[in-house]
Protein backbone atom coordinates (compact mmCIF):
# COMPACT_ATOMS: atom_id res chain seq x y z
CA MET A 1 -34.54 16.18 17.21
CA ASN A 2 -33.72 18.92 14.70
CA LYS A 3 -30.87 20.14 16.90
CA VAL A 4 -29.38 16.64 16.91
CA LEU A 5 -29.58 16.44 13.12
CA ILE A 6 -28.06 19.91 12.71
CA GLY A 7 -25.28 18.96 15.13
CA ALA A 8 -24.60 15.73 13.23
CA VAL A 9 -24.47 17.57 9.89
CA ALA A 10 -22.12 20.18 11.36
CA PHE A 11 -19.88 17.47 12.81
CA GLN A 12 -19.76 15.62 9.48
CA THR A 13 -18.95 18.84 7.63
CA VAL A 14 -16.06 19.62 9.97
CA LEU A 15 -14.81 16.04 9.66
CA ILE A 16 -14.91 16.21 5.86
CA ILE A 17 -12.98 19.49 5.90
CA VAL A 18 -10.32 18.08 8.23
CA LEU A 19 -9.92 14.93 6.12
CA SER A 20 -9.72 16.98 2.93
CA LEU A 21 -6.97 19.14 4.40
CA ARG A 22 -4.99 16.09 5.50
CA PHE A 23 -5.35 14.47 2.07
CA GLY A 24 -4.31 17.72 0.41
CA GLY A 25 -1.21 17.86 2.59
CA LEU A 26 -0.28 14.31 1.64
CA GLU A 27 -0.85 15.08 -2.02
CA ALA A 28 1.39 18.16 -1.78
CA LYS A 29 4.17 16.11 -0.16
CA THR A 30 3.82 13.45 -2.87
CA ASN A 31 4.04 16.07 -5.60
CA GLN A 32 7.11 17.58 -3.94
CA ILE A 33 8.82 14.17 -3.79
CA GLU A 34 7.93 13.45 -7.42
CA THR A 35 9.35 16.84 -8.47
CA THR A 36 12.55 16.21 -6.52
CA LEU A 37 12.95 12.74 -8.05
CA ALA A 38 12.35 14.13 -11.54
CA ALA A 39 15.02 16.81 -10.97
CA ILE A 40 17.48 14.19 -9.73
CA GLU A 41 16.69 11.96 -12.70
CA GLU A 42 17.31 14.83 -15.10
CA SER A 43 20.64 15.74 -13.51
CA GLN A 44 21.78 12.13 -13.07
CA PRO A 45 20.21 9.82 -15.68
CA GLY A 46 21.15 6.58 -13.86
CA ALA A 47 20.15 7.78 -10.37
CA ARG A 48 16.83 5.91 -10.25
CA GLU A 49 18.51 2.55 -10.89
CA MET A 50 21.08 3.27 -8.19
CA THR A 51 18.35 3.87 -5.59
CA GLN A 52 16.41 0.68 -6.39
CA PRO A 53 16.67 -1.89 -3.58
CA ARG A 54 18.91 -4.86 -4.27
CA MET A 55 18.01 -8.34 -3.10
CA SER A 56 21.51 -9.85 -3.08
CA GLY A 57 22.51 -11.43 0.20
CA SER A 58 18.97 -11.36 1.57
CA PRO A 59 17.94 -14.86 2.65
CA SER A 60 14.18 -14.23 2.76
CA GLY A 61 14.17 -12.66 -0.72
CA ALA A 62 16.44 -15.31 -2.21
CA GLY A 63 13.80 -16.83 -4.49
CA LEU A 64 12.71 -13.58 -6.15
CA SER A 65 13.97 -12.51 -9.52
CA ALA A 66 14.10 -8.93 -10.71
CA GLU A 67 11.08 -9.60 -12.94
CA GLU A 68 9.04 -10.88 -9.98
CA MET A 69 9.96 -7.83 -7.93
CA GLU A 70 8.97 -5.54 -10.79
CA GLU A 71 5.64 -7.40 -11.14
CA ILE A 72 4.97 -6.99 -7.43
CA ARG A 73 5.73 -3.27 -7.65
CA TRP A 74 3.50 -2.95 -10.71
CA ILE A 75 0.57 -4.61 -8.91
CA MET A 76 1.06 -2.40 -5.86
CA ARG A 77 1.16 0.75 -8.03
CA GLU A 78 -2.01 -0.43 -9.77
CA GLU A 79 -3.76 -0.92 -6.43
CA ILE A 80 -2.58 2.44 -5.09
CA ASP A 81 -3.85 4.15 -8.25
CA ALA A 82 -7.19 2.38 -7.88
CA VAL A 83 -7.51 3.41 -4.23
CA THR A 84 -6.61 7.00 -5.11
CA ALA A 85 -9.22 7.03 -7.86
CA ALA A 86 -11.75 5.52 -5.46
CA MET A 87 -11.01 8.21 -2.89
CA GLU A 88 -11.56 10.88 -5.51
CA LYS A 89 -14.91 9.30 -6.43
CA ASN A 90 -15.73 8.57 -2.77
CA THR A 91 -16.13 4.87 -3.51
CA ILE A 92 -13.92 1.97 -2.52
CA THR A 93 -15.19 -0.56 -5.07
CA ALA A 94 -12.88 0.69 -7.85
CA SER A 95 -10.06 -1.57 -6.64
CA ALA A 96 -11.84 -4.76 -7.65
CA ALA A 97 -12.40 -3.49 -11.19
CA THR A 98 -8.68 -3.05 -11.91
CA ALA A 99 -7.55 -6.59 -11.21
CA PRO A 100 -8.65 -9.74 -13.01
CA ALA A 101 -11.11 -11.90 -11.12
CA ARG A 102 -9.68 -15.16 -9.82
CA ASP A 103 -11.82 -18.19 -9.30
CA MET A 104 -10.98 -19.32 -5.81
CA PRO A 105 -13.11 -20.79 -3.01
CA GLN A 106 -13.80 -18.50 -0.08
CA ASP A 107 -11.98 -20.74 2.39
CA GLU A 108 -8.85 -20.61 0.20
CA ARG A 109 -9.13 -16.80 0.08
CA ASN A 110 -9.46 -16.70 3.86
CA ARG A 111 -6.46 -19.03 4.31
CA LEU A 112 -4.24 -16.87 2.08
CA TYR A 113 -5.29 -13.69 3.86
CA GLN A 114 -4.73 -15.32 7.27
CA GLU A 115 -1.19 -16.31 6.20
CA PHE A 116 -0.54 -12.69 5.30
CA GLU A 117 -1.99 -11.51 8.64
CA GLN A 118 0.16 -14.01 10.58
CA GLU A 119 3.36 -12.93 8.84
CA LEU A 120 2.52 -9.27 9.40
CA SER A 121 1.71 -9.93 13.08
CA ILE A 122 5.02 -11.71 13.60
CA PHE A 123 6.93 -8.70 12.31
CA MET A 124 4.79 -6.27 14.32
CA ALA A 125 5.27 -8.31 17.51
CA GLY A 126 9.05 -8.11 17.10
CA SER A 127 10.98 -4.91 16.57
CA GLY A 128 8.85 -4.00 13.55
CA ALA A 129 11.97 -3.45 11.45
CA LEU A 130 11.76 -4.98 7.98
CA SER A 131 14.64 -5.79 5.69
CA GLN A 132 14.21 -5.48 1.93
CA GLY A 133 13.81 -9.26 1.77
CA ASP A 134 11.09 -9.22 4.43
CA MET A 135 9.24 -6.50 2.58
CA ALA A 136 9.57 -8.44 -0.68
CA SER A 137 8.12 -11.53 1.00
CA ILE A 138 5.14 -9.58 2.34
CA GLU A 139 4.61 -7.84 -1.01
CA LYS A 140 4.73 -11.20 -2.81
CA LYS A 141 2.03 -12.55 -0.50
CA ILE A 142 -0.09 -9.44 -1.18
CA ALA A 143 0.38 -9.81 -4.93
CA GLY A 144 -0.80 -13.42 -4.78
CA LEU A 145 -4.09 -12.56 -3.09
CA PRO A 146 -7.40 -12.23 -4.96
CA PRO A 147 -8.48 -8.60 -5.64
CA ARG A 148 -10.71 -8.07 -2.59
CA GLU A 149 -8.25 -9.62 -0.14
CA ARG A 150 -5.35 -7.86 -1.89
CA ALA A 151 -7.01 -4.50 -1.32
CA MET A 152 -7.56 -5.31 2.37
CA ALA A 153 -3.98 -6.58 2.79
CA LEU A 154 -2.49 -3.59 0.98
CA SER A 155 -4.50 -1.26 3.19
CA ARG A 156 -3.39 -3.10 6.35
CA TYR A 157 0.27 -3.14 5.21
CA SER A 158 0.24 0.55 4.29
CA LYS A 159 -1.38 1.48 7.58
CA ALA A 160 1.21 -0.50 9.56
CA LEU A 161 4.02 1.27 7.69
CA SER A 162 2.36 4.66 8.13
CA ASP A 163 1.65 4.40 11.84
CA GLY A 164 5.12 3.04 12.61
CA SER A 165 4.08 -0.49 13.63
CA LEU A 166 6.37 -1.64 10.83
CA LYS A 167 9.57 0.10 9.86
CA GLY A 168 10.66 -0.40 6.29
CA GLN A 169 11.86 1.60 3.36
CA LEU A 170 9.71 1.57 0.24
């Protein structure tokens, strides 16, 4: 019995080390990208605005104003920051504390999340390629979800983009 426990502890330790190294590598890449963007911004003051996606001519993003897009991006940044903080604290409940609570029946929450899942599944079943308008539509659905469902949807969306099930440019 002791050998099993020692083996389990050793396995967990190795797993923690591997995950820490992978997270550190991602953090290093993020820092490198941020440094590069800062250098570009310093050398070309209007460069950031030029690289922002434009919604003109996109039928599925036709109803979104620039303010709505900025609000969606702000909510997503807020959620990403909360998840990052939660990972540093080794707790996932921090996400719910950052967003205001919404009074909504559970069946309504489930319906909204299922709509998000269906839209995501449709894109994944096809080529997986997302236009800026498609991404805006998905992000708008995520932003409209209550905090708990938003965190789940954001995680699912990020994972699909990361593993290549969806192809889009953030």
